[in-house]
Amino acid sequence: MRLFLRYLKGKRMGIAAFAGFGAVLAASFALYRLPPRAVLYPAALCAAAGLVLLVADFMRVRRRHLLLKDLSDLEDGLPVPADIEAADYRAIAERLQEARRALEDRAGAEARAMADYYTLWVHQVKTPIAAMRLRLQDRDSADARALLSELMRVERYVEMVLTYLRLEGDGSDYVIRECALDALLRQVFKRFSGEFILRRLKLDYAPTGARVLTDEKWLTFVVEQVLSNALKYTPAGTISVYLEAPATLCLRDTGIGIAPEDLPRVFDQSYTGLAGRADRRASGLGLYLCKRVCDGLGHGISIESTPGEGTTVRIDLSRRRMNVE
């Protein structure tokens, strides 16, 4: 019924023209003082013939509609053509399907080649980074500490590339296990200890005593990214790390904060906001990857911020569905 109403809507101009012609004939008969009934009989005959043609045309349109509807789902196979027109449609659909598959295969091959290249590049660049770290770690000077801080930033960027490639891949290597949150946090703090000393920032942290179900490697990446942002945008003051009941890890800083108009988009890919545009090194990938990882782990992540006062990032470590390995 809905299809028929749509068909009538498309034919409304023709129907209106037929009615208009009938009205013209009736008016002409009236002007010549001819009996109006004389026009009713031929008008009824024309209407009956027009109705037959209208139904026949609708059935033809309906058959074509059903054919095209079947052709729209190419994965289930194309229907057997019933006439020449249907065969032509089938040939067109098959050519389009072949072209689409060729484009998909080429795009997939290019994506795999790019992923393989960058994966190889990441593993190759780790070697000179490790060599530079070995040369610098025995030197205790302001320049050496500054270089180690910059080198650690390079390592984070390299790790970010590898994380992005893993997340964009077909599979994931999430391994959900119970782990001690404090051990994970201490490992992160130890890695960033040079940054705290170099920037003269205070770390406010008390052991949580919590054990959480998560993937330790991926959660470590999230905490490192959040802490790196806190260090980057906190020129002075304190970075606090604490646990809110029941299992929400909070990282709060006293930095420059985030503009209110930027908050709804901080997790968007490549979005840097006002602070990121001021710092040309910002890529807009850090928080985007954090959100992707948290979604994969089943954790929630949210941000509250006040410009000029600081930012608080909350990572909800409670899980509704957990597969412990």
C-alpha atoms as a PDB file:
ATOM      1  CA  MET A   1       0.000   0.000   0.000  1.00  0.00           C
ATOM      2  CA  ARG A   2       2.805   2.377   0.851  1.00  0.00           C
ATOM      3  CA  LEU A   3       4.460   1.675  -2.496  1.00  0.00           C
ATOM      4  CA  PHE A   4       1.165   2.373  -4.325  1.00  0.00           C
ATOM      5  CA  LEU A   5       0.749   5.695  -2.515  1.00  0.00           C
ATOM      6  CA  ARG A   6       4.301   6.641  -3.473  1.00  0.00           C
ATOM      7  CA  TYR A   7       3.486   5.688  -7.073  1.00  0.00           C
ATOM      8  CA  LEU A   8       0.340   7.842  -7.079  1.00  0.00           C
ATOM      9  CA  LYS A   9       2.330  10.720  -5.645  1.00  0.00           C
ATOM     10  CA  GLY A  10       4.704  10.455  -8.592  1.00  0.00           C
ATOM     11  CA  LYS A  11       1.781  10.447 -11.043  1.00  0.00           C
ATOM     12  CA  ARG A  12      -0.095  13.316  -9.407  1.00  0.00           C
ATOM     13  CA  MET A  13       0.601  15.688 -12.315  1.00  0.00           C
ATOM     14  CA  GLY A  14      -0.938  13.313 -14.863  1.00  0.00           C
ATOM     15  CA  ILE A  15      -3.978  12.647 -12.658  1.00  0.00           C
ATOM     16  CA  ALA A  16      -4.459  16.379 -12.107  1.00  0.00           C
ATOM     17  CA  ALA A  17      -4.169  16.988 -15.885  1.00  0.00           C
ATOM     18  CA  PHE A  18      -6.844  14.330 -16.599  1.00  0.00           C
ATOM     19  CA  ALA A  19      -9.188  15.931 -14.077  1.00  0.00           C
ATOM     20  CA  GLY A  20      -8.466  19.354 -15.566  1.00  0.00           C
ATOM     21  CA  PHE A  21      -9.294  18.143 -19.088  1.00  0.00           C
ATOM     22  CA  GLY A  22     -12.599  16.749 -17.831  1.00  0.00           C
ATOM     23  CA  ALA A  23     -13.412  20.072 -16.185  1.00  0.00           C
ATOM     24  CA  VAL A  24     -12.632  21.917 -19.449  1.00  0.00           C
ATOM     25  CA  LEU A  25     -14.989  19.628 -21.389  1.00  0.00           C
ATOM     26  CA  ALA A  26     -17.745  20.080 -18.832  1.00  0.00           C
ATOM     27  CA  ALA A  27     -17.309  23.865 -18.916  1.00  0.00           C
ATOM     28  CA  SER A  28     -17.396  23.866 -22.746  1.00  0.00           C
ATOM     29  CA  PHE A  29     -20.625  21.847 -22.770  1.00  0.00           C
ATOM     30  CA  ALA A  30     -22.136  24.259 -20.283  1.00  0.00           C
ATOM     31  CA  LEU A  31     -21.215  27.313 -22.378  1.00  0.00           C
ATOM     32  CA  TYR A  32     -22.933  25.866 -25.462  1.00  0.00           C
ATOM     33  CA  ARG A  33     -25.942  24.927 -23.355  1.00  0.00           C
ATOM     34  CA  LEU A  34     -25.411  21.266 -24.018  1.00  0.00           C
ATOM     35  CA  PRO A  35     -26.523  18.753 -21.376  1.00  0.00           C
ATOM     36  CA  PRO A  36     -23.622  18.132 -18.900  1.00  0.00           C
ATOM     37  CA  ARG A  37     -24.545  14.475 -18.790  1.00  0.00           C
ATOM     38  CA  ALA A  38     -23.230  14.136 -22.330  1.00  0.00           C
ATOM     39  CA  VAL A  39     -19.699  14.538 -21.023  1.00  0.00           C
ATOM     40  CA  LEU A  40     -20.050  12.078 -18.145  1.00  0.00           C
ATOM     41  CA  TYR A  41     -20.235   8.951 -20.317  1.00  0.00           C
ATOM     42  CA  PRO A  42     -17.022   9.583 -22.361  1.00  0.00           C
ATOM     43  CA  ALA A  43     -15.317  10.843 -19.222  1.00  0.00           C
ATOM     44  CA  ALA A  44     -16.207   7.610 -17.416  1.00  0.00           C
ATOM     45  CA  LEU A  45     -14.921   5.536 -20.318  1.00  0.00           C
ATOM     46  CA  CYS A  46     -11.660   7.498 -20.372  1.00  0.00           C
ATOM     47  CA  ALA A  47     -11.339   7.180 -16.603  1.00  0.00           C
ATOM     48  CA  ALA A  48     -11.840   3.396 -16.759  1.00  0.00           C
ATOM     49  CA  ALA A  49      -9.273   3.056 -19.534  1.00  0.00           C
ATOM     50  CA  GLY A  50      -6.888   5.326 -17.662  1.00  0.00           C
ATOM     51  CA  LEU A  51      -7.336   3.285 -14.485  1.00  0.00           C
ATOM     52  CA  VAL A  52      -6.490   0.064 -16.333  1.00  0.00           C
ATOM     53  CA  LEU A  53      -3.373   1.671 -17.793  1.00  0.00           C
ATOM     54  CA  LEU A  54      -2.471   3.087 -14.377  1.00  0.00           C
ATOM     55  CA  VAL A  55      -2.709  -0.336 -12.694  1.00  0.00           C
ATOM     56  CA  ALA A  56      -0.717  -1.966 -15.477  1.00  0.00           C
ATOM     57  CA  ASP A  57       1.971   0.665 -15.227  1.00  0.00           C
ATOM     58  CA  PHE A  58       2.037   0.285 -11.424  1.00  0.00           C
ATOM     59  CA  MET A  59       2.552  -3.474 -11.730  1.00  0.00           C
ATOM     60  CA  ARG A  60       5.453  -2.839 -14.134  1.00  0.00           C
ATOM     61  CA  VAL A  61       6.974  -0.334 -11.683  1.00  0.00           C
ATOM     62  CA  ARG A  62       6.431  -2.763  -8.793  1.00  0.00           C
ATOM     63  CA  ARG A  63       8.256  -5.573 -10.600  1.00  0.00           C
ATOM     64  CA  ARG A  64      11.185  -3.253 -11.367  1.00  0.00           C
ATOM     65  CA  HIS A  65      11.201  -2.058  -7.753  1.00  0.00           C
ATOM     66  CA  LEU A  66      11.383  -5.613  -6.403  1.00  0.00           C
ATOM     67  CA  LEU A  67      14.148  -6.443  -8.876  1.00  0.00           C
ATOM     68  CA  LEU A  68      16.236  -3.443  -7.876  1.00  0.00           C
ATOM     69  CA  LYS A  69      15.602  -4.200  -4.215  1.00  0.00           C
ATOM     70  CA  ASP A  70      17.033  -7.685  -4.726  1.00  0.00           C
ATOM     71  CA  LEU A  71      19.984  -6.236  -6.603  1.00  0.00           C
ATOM     72  CA  SER A  72      20.764  -3.882  -3.695  1.00  0.00           C
ATOM     73  CA  ASP A  73      21.930  -6.810  -1.542  1.00  0.00           C
ATOM     74  CA  LEU A  74      24.801  -8.091  -3.629  1.00  0.00           C
ATOM     75  CA  GLU A  75      26.211 -10.373  -0.942  1.00  0.00           C
ATOM     76  CA  ASP A  76      23.272 -12.803  -1.165  1.00  0.00           C
ATOM     77  CA  GLY A  77      23.743 -13.358  -4.883  1.00  0.00           C
ATOM     78  CA  LEU A  78      21.920 -11.848  -7.808  1.00  0.00           C
ATOM     79  CA  PRO A  79      18.481 -13.107  -8.846  1.00  0.00           C
ATOM     80  CA  VAL A  80      18.007 -14.950 -12.113  1.00  0.00           C
ATOM     81  CA  PRO A  81      16.918 -12.424 -14.768  1.00  0.00           C
ATOM     82  CA  ALA A  82      13.377 -12.867 -16.037  1.00  0.00           C
ATOM     83  CA  ASP A  83      13.618 -10.630 -19.087  1.00  0.00           C
ATOM     84  CA  ILE A  84      16.050  -8.559 -21.153  1.00  0.00           C
ATOM     85  CA  GLU A  85      15.752  -5.516 -18.910  1.00  0.00           C
ATOM     86  CA  ALA A  86      16.447  -7.577 -15.803  1.00  0.00           C
ATOM     87  CA  ALA A  87      19.461  -9.167 -17.496  1.00  0.00           C
ATOM     88  CA  ASP A  88      20.836  -5.717 -18.292  1.00  0.00           C
ATOM     89  CA  TYR A  89      20.409  -4.649 -14.667  1.00  0.00           C
ATOM     90  CA  ARG A  90      22.134  -7.845 -13.529  1.00  0.00           C
ATOM     91  CA  ALA A  91      25.099  -7.215 -15.833  1.00  0.00           C
ATOM     92  CA  ILE A  92      25.458  -3.654 -14.534  1.00  0.00           C
ATOM     93  CA  ALA A  93      25.247  -4.841 -10.924  1.00  0.00           C
ATOM     94  CA  GLU A  94      27.866  -7.540 -11.516  1.00  0.00           C
ATOM     95  CA  ARG A  95      30.285  -5.032 -13.047  1.00  0.00           C
ATOM     96  CA  LEU A  96      29.752  -2.665 -10.112  1.00  0.00           C
ATOM     97  CA  GLN A  97      30.293  -5.514  -7.676  1.00  0.00           C
ATOM     98  CA  GLU A  98      33.528  -6.535  -9.363  1.00  0.00           C
ATOM     99  CA  ALA A  99      34.747  -2.929  -9.345  1.00  0.00           C
ATOM    100  CA  ARG A 100      33.906  -2.586  -5.662  1.00  0.00           C
ATOM    101  CA  ARG A 101      35.747  -5.787  -4.764  1.00  0.00           C
ATOM    102  CA  ALA A 102      38.773  -4.682  -6.742  1.00  0.00           C
ATOM    103  CA  LEU A 103      38.810  -1.345  -4.911  1.00  0.00           C
ATOM    104  CA  GLU A 104      38.429  -3.076  -1.545  1.00  0.00           C
ATOM    105  CA  ASP A 105      41.254  -5.515  -2.320  1.00  0.00           C
ATOM    106  CA  ARG A 106      43.545  -2.689  -3.439  1.00  0.00           C
ATOM    107  CA  ALA A 107      42.708  -0.554  -0.402  1.00  0.00           C
ATOM    108  CA  GLY A 108      43.253  -3.521   1.909  1.00  0.00           C
ATOM    109  CA  ALA A 109      46.614  -4.315   0.318  1.00  0.00           C
ATOM    110  CA  GLU A 110      47.737  -0.693   0.594  1.00  0.00           C
ATOM    111  CA  ALA A 111      46.633  -0.525   4.236  1.00  0.00           C
ATOM    112  CA  ARG A 112      48.493  -3.733   5.082  1.00  0.00           C
ATOM    113  CA  ALA A 113      51.616  -2.525   3.286  1.00  0.00           C
ATOM    114  CA  MET A 114      51.512   0.775   5.184  1.00  0.00           C
ATOM    115  CA  ALA A 115      50.950  -0.984   8.510  1.00  0.00           C
ATOM    116  CA  ASP A 116      53.854  -3.366   7.825  1.00  0.00           C
ATOM    117  CA  TYR A 117      56.109  -0.447   6.878  1.00  0.00           C
ATOM    118  CA  TYR A 118      55.353   1.602   9.984  1.00  0.00           C
ATOM    119  CA  THR A 119      55.570  -1.455  12.232  1.00  0.00           C
ATOM    120  CA  LEU A 120      59.017  -2.185  10.832  1.00  0.00           C
ATOM    121  CA  TRP A 121      59.969   1.482  11.202  1.00  0.00           C
ATOM    122  CA  VAL A 122      58.886   1.510  14.858  1.00  0.00           C
ATOM    123  CA  HIS A 123      60.969  -1.539  15.692  1.00  0.00           C
ATOM    124  CA  GLN A 124      63.980  -0.179  13.803  1.00  0.00           C
ATOM    125  CA  VAL A 125      63.864   3.241  15.445  1.00  0.00           C
ATOM    126  CA  LYS A 126      63.782   1.659  18.898  1.00  0.00           C
ATOM    127  CA  THR A 127      67.384   0.515  18.457  1.00  0.00           C
ATOM    128  CA  PRO A 128      68.998   3.996  18.213  1.00  0.00           C
ATOM    129  CA  ILE A 129      66.699   5.217  20.979  1.00  0.00           C
ATOM    130  CA  ALA A 130      67.915   2.462  23.279  1.00  0.00           C
ATOM    131  CA  ALA A 131      71.539   3.207  22.306  1.00  0.00           C
ATOM    132  CA  MET A 132      71.100   6.920  23.116  1.00  0.00           C
ATOM    133  CA  ARG A 133      69.519   6.080  26.466  1.00  0.00           C
ATOM    134  CA  LEU A 134      72.451   3.840  27.386  1.00  0.00           C
ATOM    135  CA  ARG A 135      74.892   6.635  26.591  1.00  0.00           C
ATOM    136  CA  LEU A 136      72.974   9.204  28.627  1.00  0.00           C
ATOM    137  CA  GLN A 137      71.910   7.239  31.681  1.00  0.00           C
ATOM    138  CA  ASP A 138      75.399   7.279  33.260  1.00  0.00           C
ATOM    139  CA  ARG A 139      75.729  11.058  32.929  1.00  0.00           C
ATOM    140  CA  ASP A 140      74.360  13.186  35.748  1.00  0.00           C
ATOM    141  CA  SER A 141      74.091  16.717  34.436  1.00  0.00           C
ATOM    142  CA  ALA A 142      71.364  19.199  33.563  1.00  0.00           C
ATOM    143  CA  ASP A 143      71.917  18.659  29.845  1.00  0.00           C
ATOM    144  CA  ALA A 144      71.829  14.877  30.201  1.00  0.00           C
ATOM    145  CA  ARG A 145      68.581  15.006  32.177  1.00  0.00           C
ATOM    146  CA  ALA A 146      67.037  17.339  29.595  1.00  0.00           C
ATOM    147  CA  LEU A 147      68.107  15.042  26.758  1.00  0.00           C
ATOM    148  CA  LEU A 148      66.715  12.005  28.597  1.00  0.00           C
ATOM    149  CA  SER A 149      63.414  13.828  29.007  1.00  0.00           C
ATOM    150  CA  GLU A 150      63.243  14.584  25.290  1.00  0.00           C
ATOM    151  CA  LEU A 151      64.288  11.029  24.469  1.00  0.00           C
ATOM    152  CA  MET A 152      61.487   9.667  26.615  1.00  0.00           C
ATOM    153  CA  ARG A 153      59.069  11.899  24.687  1.00  0.00           C
ATOM    154  CA  VAL A 154      60.344  10.394  21.439  1.00  0.00           C
ATOM    155  CA  GLU A 155      59.757   6.918  22.897  1.00  0.00           C
ATOM    156  CA  ARG A 156      56.178   7.837  23.769  1.00  0.00           C
ATOM    157  CA  TYR A 157      55.540   9.096  20.243  1.00  0.00           C
ATOM    158  CA  VAL A 158      56.957   5.895  18.798  1.00  0.00           C
ATOM    159  CA  GLU A 159      54.827   3.830  21.159  1.00  0.00           C
ATOM    160  CA  MET A 160      51.809   5.906  20.136  1.00  0.00           C
ATOM    161  CA  VAL A 161      52.376   4.980  16.484  1.00  0.00           C
ATOM    162  CA  LEU A 162      52.614   1.290  17.370  1.00  0.00           C
ATOM    163  CA  THR A 163      49.478   1.509  19.514  1.00  0.00           C
ATOM    164  CA  TYR A 164      47.580   3.203  16.693  1.00  0.00           C
ATOM    165  CA  LEU A 165      48.582   0.442  14.265  1.00  0.00           C
ATOM    166  CA  ARG A 166      47.493  -2.237  16.715  1.00  0.00           C
ATOM    167  CA  LEU A 167      44.124  -0.618  17.331  1.00  0.00           C
ATOM    168  CA  GLU A 168      43.484  -0.146  13.608  1.00  0.00           C
ATOM    169  CA  GLY A 169      44.307  -3.789  12.926  1.00  0.00           C
ATOM    170  CA  ASP A 170      41.804  -6.622  12.641  1.00  0.00           C
ATOM    171  CA  GLY A 171      42.565  -8.180  16.020  1.00  0.00           C
ATOM    172  CA  SER A 172      43.533  -7.182  19.522  1.00  0.00           C
ATOM    173  CA  ASP A 173      45.855  -8.629  22.137  1.00  0.00           C
ATOM    174  CA  TYR A 174      43.856  -7.694  25.243  1.00  0.00           C
ATOM    175  CA  VAL A 175      44.610 -10.043  28.132  1.00  0.00           C
ATOM    176  CA  ILE A 176      42.338  -9.323  31.097  1.00  0.00           C
ATOM    177  CA  ARG A 177      43.866 -10.297  34.417  1.00  0.00           C
ATOM    178  CA  GLU A 178      43.796  -9.096  37.994  1.00  0.00           C
ATOM    179  CA  CYS A 179      46.728  -6.816  38.719  1.00  0.00           C
ATOM    180  CA  ALA A 180      47.928  -4.563  41.517  1.00  0.00           C
ATOM    181  CA  LEU A 181      47.138  -0.971  40.618  1.00  0.00           C
ATOM    182  CA  ASP A 182      49.908   0.425  42.821  1.00  0.00           C
ATOM    183  CA  ALA A 183      52.591  -1.647  41.098  1.00  0.00           C
ATOM    184  CA  LEU A 184      51.395  -0.360  37.740  1.00  0.00           C
ATOM    185  CA  LEU A 185      51.375   3.252  38.942  1.00  0.00           C
ATOM    186  CA  ARG A 186      54.830   3.031  40.518  1.00  0.00           C
ATOM    187  CA  GLN A 187      56.222   1.731  37.239  1.00  0.00           C
ATOM    188  CA  VAL A 188      54.749   4.742  35.440  1.00  0.00           C
ATOM    189  CA  PHE A 189      55.984   7.207  38.098  1.00  0.00           C
ATOM    190  CA  LYS A 190      59.485   5.771  37.889  1.00  0.00           C
ATOM    191  CA  ARG A 191      59.518   6.301  34.151  1.00  0.00           C
ATOM    192  CA  PHE A 192      58.396   9.921  34.532  1.00  0.00           C
ATOM    193  CA  SER A 193      60.549  10.736  37.570  1.00  0.00           C
ATOM    194  CA  GLY A 194      63.020  12.708  35.466  1.00  0.00           C
ATOM    195  CA  GLU A 195      60.171  14.824  34.058  1.00  0.00           C
ATOM    196  CA  PHE A 196      58.934  15.668  37.555  1.00  0.00           C
ATOM    197  CA  ILE A 197      62.443  16.677  38.652  1.00  0.00           C
ATOM    198  CA  LEU A 198      63.145  18.670  35.498  1.00  0.00           C
ATOM    199  CA  ARG A 199      59.849  20.566  35.678  1.00  0.00           C
ATOM    200  CA  ARG A 200      59.952  20.856  39.496  1.00  0.00           C
ATOM    201  CA  LEU A 201      56.473  19.495  39.908  1.00  0.00           C
ATOM    202  CA  LYS A 202      55.159  17.739  42.998  1.00  0.00           C
ATOM    203  CA  LEU A 203      53.566  14.295  42.847  1.00  0.00           C
ATOM    204  CA  ASP A 204      50.774  13.768  45.368  1.00  0.00           C
ATOM    205  CA  TYR A 205      50.161  10.050  45.595  1.00  0.00           C
ATOM    206  CA  ALA A 206      49.154   7.638  48.321  1.00  0.00           C
ATOM    207  CA  PRO A 207      49.012   3.874  47.713  1.00  0.00           C
ATOM    208  CA  THR A 208      45.525   2.713  46.811  1.00  0.00           C
ATOM    209  CA  GLY A 209      45.842  -0.947  47.770  1.00  0.00           C
ATOM    210  CA  ALA A 210      43.477  -1.774  44.920  1.00  0.00           C
ATOM    211  CA  ARG A 211      43.516  -4.743  42.622  1.00  0.00           C
ATOM    212  CA  VAL A 212      41.719  -4.332  39.306  1.00  0.00           C
ATOM    213  CA  LEU A 213      40.768  -6.493  36.377  1.00  0.00           C
ATOM    214  CA  THR A 214      42.345  -5.052  33.267  1.00  0.00           C
ATOM    215  CA  ASP A 215      45.077  -5.486  30.697  1.00  0.00           C
ATOM    216  CA  GLU A 216      48.156  -4.173  32.477  1.00  0.00           C
ATOM    217  CA  LYS A 217      50.043  -3.247  29.309  1.00  0.00           C
ATOM    218  CA  TRP A 218      47.195  -1.283  27.747  1.00  0.00           C
ATOM    219  CA  LEU A 219      46.160   0.419  30.992  1.00  0.00           C
ATOM    220  CA  THR A 220      49.780   1.450  31.488  1.00  0.00           C
ATOM    221  CA  PHE A 221      49.688   3.100  28.072  1.00  0.00           C
ATOM    222  CA  VAL A 222      46.545   5.054  29.025  1.00  0.00           C
ATOM    223  CA  VAL A 223      47.996   6.233  32.347  1.00  0.00           C
ATOM    224  CA  GLU A 224      51.247   7.254  30.677  1.00  0.00           C
ATOM    225  CA  GLN A 225      49.418   9.310  28.052  1.00  0.00           C
ATOM    226  CA  VAL A 226      47.272  11.072  30.639  1.00  0.00           C
ATOM    227  CA  LEU A 227      50.262  11.742  32.902  1.00  0.00           C
ATOM    228  CA  SER A 228      52.296  12.975  29.936  1.00  0.00           C
ATOM    229  CA  ASN A 229      49.563  15.496  29.095  1.00  0.00           C
ATOM    230  CA  ALA A 230      49.425  16.609  32.722  1.00  0.00           C
ATOM    231  CA  LEU A 231      53.177  17.204  32.775  1.00  0.00           C
ATOM    232  CA  LYS A 232      53.113  18.990  29.427  1.00  0.00           C
ATOM    233  CA  TYR A 233      50.394  21.469  30.390  1.00  0.00           C
ATOM    234  CA  THR A 234      51.278  22.029  34.064  1.00  0.00           C
ATOM    235  CA  PRO A 235      53.977  24.701  34.304  1.00  0.00           C
ATOM    236  CA  ALA A 236      53.947  24.687  38.124  1.00  0.00           C
ATOM    237  CA  GLY A 237      52.148  23.055  41.012  1.00  0.00           C
ATOM    238  CA  THR A 238      51.039  19.500  41.768  1.00  0.00           C
ATOM    239  CA  ILE A 239      49.857  16.388  39.992  1.00  0.00           C
ATOM    240  CA  SER A 240      47.642  14.234  42.215  1.00  0.00           C
ATOM    241  CA  VAL A 241      46.877  10.568  41.628  1.00  0.00           C
ATOM    242  CA  TYR A 242      44.223   8.922  43.790  1.00  0.00           C
ATOM    243  CA  LEU A 243      41.387   6.405  43.763  1.00  0.00           C
ATOM    244  CA  GLU A 244      37.689   7.244  44.068  1.00  0.00           C
ATOM    245  CA  ALA A 245      35.250   4.590  45.233  1.00  0.00           C
ATOM    246  CA  PRO A 246      34.555   2.050  44.022  1.00  0.00           C
ATOM    247  CA  ALA A 247      37.336   1.799  41.418  1.00  0.00           C
ATOM    248  CA  THR A 248      37.900   5.087  39.600  1.00  0.00           C
ATOM    249  CA  LEU A 249      41.480   6.197  39.070  1.00  0.00           C
ATOM    250  CA  CYS A 250      41.807   9.988  39.077  1.00  0.00           C
ATOM    251  CA  LEU A 251      44.713  12.067  37.776  1.00  0.00           C
ATOM    252  CA  ARG A 252      44.369  15.749  38.645  1.00  0.00           C
ATOM    253  CA  ASP A 253      46.771  18.552  37.760  1.00  0.00           C
ATOM    254  CA  THR A 254      47.009  22.279  38.462  1.00  0.00           C
ATOM    255  CA  GLY A 255      47.826  23.167  34.878  1.00  0.00           C
ATOM    256  CA  ILE A 256      46.394  25.532  32.301  1.00  0.00           C
ATOM    257  CA  GLY A 257      43.161  23.564  31.917  1.00  0.00           C
ATOM    258  CA  ILE A 258      40.977  22.990  28.858  1.00  0.00           C
ATOM    259  CA  ALA A 259      38.623  25.501  27.293  1.00  0.00           C
ATOM    260  CA  PRO A 260      34.903  24.634  27.784  1.00  0.00           C
ATOM    261  CA  GLU A 261      34.288  24.553  24.019  1.00  0.00           C
ATOM    262  CA  ASP A 262      37.083  21.987  23.620  1.00  0.00           C
ATOM    263  CA  LEU A 263      35.903  19.520  26.282  1.00  0.00           C
ATOM    264  CA  PRO A 264      33.231  17.754  24.165  1.00  0.00           C
ATOM    265  CA  ARG A 265      35.817  17.005  21.459  1.00  0.00           C
ATOM    266  CA  VAL A 266      38.977  16.129  23.400  1.00  0.00           C
ATOM    267  CA  PHE A 267      38.608  12.433  22.518  1.00  0.00           C
ATOM    268  CA  ASP A 268      38.133  13.081  18.786  1.00  0.00           C
ATOM    269  CA  GLN A 269      40.890  11.930  16.474  1.00  0.00           C
ATOM    270  CA  SER A 270      43.442  14.646  15.608  1.00  0.00           C
ATOM    271  CA  TYR A 271      41.582  17.306  17.605  1.00  0.00           C
ATOM    272  CA  THR A 272      44.096  19.461  19.489  1.00  0.00           C
ATOM    273  CA  GLY A 273      42.005  22.345  20.819  1.00  0.00           C
ATOM    274  CA  LEU A 274      43.286  25.762  21.846  1.00  0.00           C
ATOM    275  CA  ALA A 275      46.135  24.414  23.967  1.00  0.00           C
ATOM    276  CA  GLY A 276      47.196  22.016  21.212  1.00  0.00           C
ATOM    277  CA  ARG A 277      47.265  24.768  18.606  1.00  0.00           C
ATOM    278  CA  ALA A 278      49.515  26.798  20.886  1.00  0.00           C
ATOM    279  CA  ASP A 279      51.827  23.769  21.180  1.00  0.00           C
ATOM    280  CA  ARG A 280      52.674  22.714  17.622  1.00  0.00           C
ATOM    281  CA  ARG A 281      54.011  19.370  18.858  1.00  0.00           C
ATOM    282  CA  ALA A 282      50.496  18.244  19.785  1.00  0.00           C
ATOM    283  CA  SER A 283      49.139  15.527  17.490  1.00  0.00           C
ATOM    284  CA  GLY A 284      45.621  15.084  18.830  1.00  0.00           C
ATOM    285  CA  LEU A 285      46.090  11.303  18.992  1.00  0.00           C
ATOM    286  CA  GLY A 286      46.903  10.747  22.674  1.00  0.00           C
ATOM    287  CA  LEU A 287      43.432  11.090  24.188  1.00  0.00           C
ATOM    288  CA  TYR A 288      41.830   9.545  21.106  1.00  0.00           C
ATOM    289  CA  LEU A 289      43.931   6.416  21.610  1.00  0.00           C
ATOM    290  CA  CYS A 290      43.170   6.453  25.340  1.00  0.00           C
ATOM    291  CA  LYS A 291      39.450   6.428  24.575  1.00  0.00           C
ATOM    292  CA  ARG A 292      39.867   3.611  22.049  1.00  0.00           C
ATOM    293  CA  VAL A 293      41.853   1.524  24.527  1.00  0.00           C
ATOM    294  CA  CYS A 294      39.414   2.163  27.386  1.00  0.00           C
ATOM    295  CA  ASP A 295      36.495   1.206  25.153  1.00  0.00           C
ATOM    296  CA  GLY A 296      38.280  -2.012  24.272  1.00  0.00           C
ATOM    297  CA  LEU A 297      38.979  -2.773  27.932  1.00  0.00           C
ATOM    298  CA  GLY A 298      35.480  -1.882  29.045  1.00  0.00           C
ATOM    299  CA  HIS A 299      36.702   1.060  31.133  1.00  0.00           C
ATOM    300  CA  GLY A 300      35.164   4.494  31.113  1.00  0.00           C
ATOM    301  CA  ILE A 301      37.212   7.666  30.764  1.00  0.00           C
ATOM    302  CA  SER A 302      36.053  11.241  31.311  1.00  0.00           C
ATOM    303  CA  ILE A 303      37.609  14.683  31.728  1.00  0.00           C
ATOM    304  CA  GLU A 304      36.686  17.693  33.837  1.00  0.00           C
ATOM    305  CA  SER A 305      38.613  20.920  33.517  1.00  0.00           C
ATOM    306  CA  THR A 306      38.564  24.582  34.452  1.00  0.00           C
ATOM    307  CA  PRO A 307      40.798  26.980  32.490  1.00  0.00           C
ATOM    308  CA  GLY A 308      43.561  28.354  34.691  1.00  0.00           C
ATOM    309  CA  GLU A 309      42.854  25.896  37.523  1.00  0.00           C
ATOM    310  CA  GLY A 310      43.578  22.421  36.176  1.00  0.00           C
ATOM    311  CA  THR A 311      42.222  19.205  34.747  1.00  0.00           C
ATOM    312  CA  THR A 312      40.962  15.948  36.236  1.00  0.00           C
ATOM    313  CA  VAL A 313      40.899  12.732  34.231  1.00  0.00           C
ATOM    314  CA  ARG A 314      38.852   9.852  35.625  1.00  0.00           C
ATOM    315  CA  ILE A 315      39.335   6.263  34.489  1.00  0.00           C
ATOM    316  CA  ASP A 316      36.562   3.958  35.645  1.00  0.00           C
ATOM    317  CA  LEU A 317      38.207   0.582  36.170  1.00  0.00           C
ATOM    318  CA  SER A 318      35.038  -1.309  37.038  1.00  0.00           C
ATOM    319  CA  ARG A 319      33.920  -3.802  34.395  1.00  0.00           C
ATOM    320  CA  ARG A 320      30.441  -5.184  33.735  1.00  0.00           C
ATOM    321  CA  ARG A 321      31.627  -8.173  31.737  1.00  0.00           C
ATOM    322  CA  MET A 322      35.016  -9.632  32.485  1.00  0.00           C
ATOM    323  CA  ASN A 323      36.867 -12.655  31.110  1.00  0.00           C
ATOM    324  CA  VAL A 324      39.703 -13.406  33.491  1.00  0.00           C
ATOM    325  CA  GLU A 325      42.615 -15.355  32.009  1.00  0.00           C
END
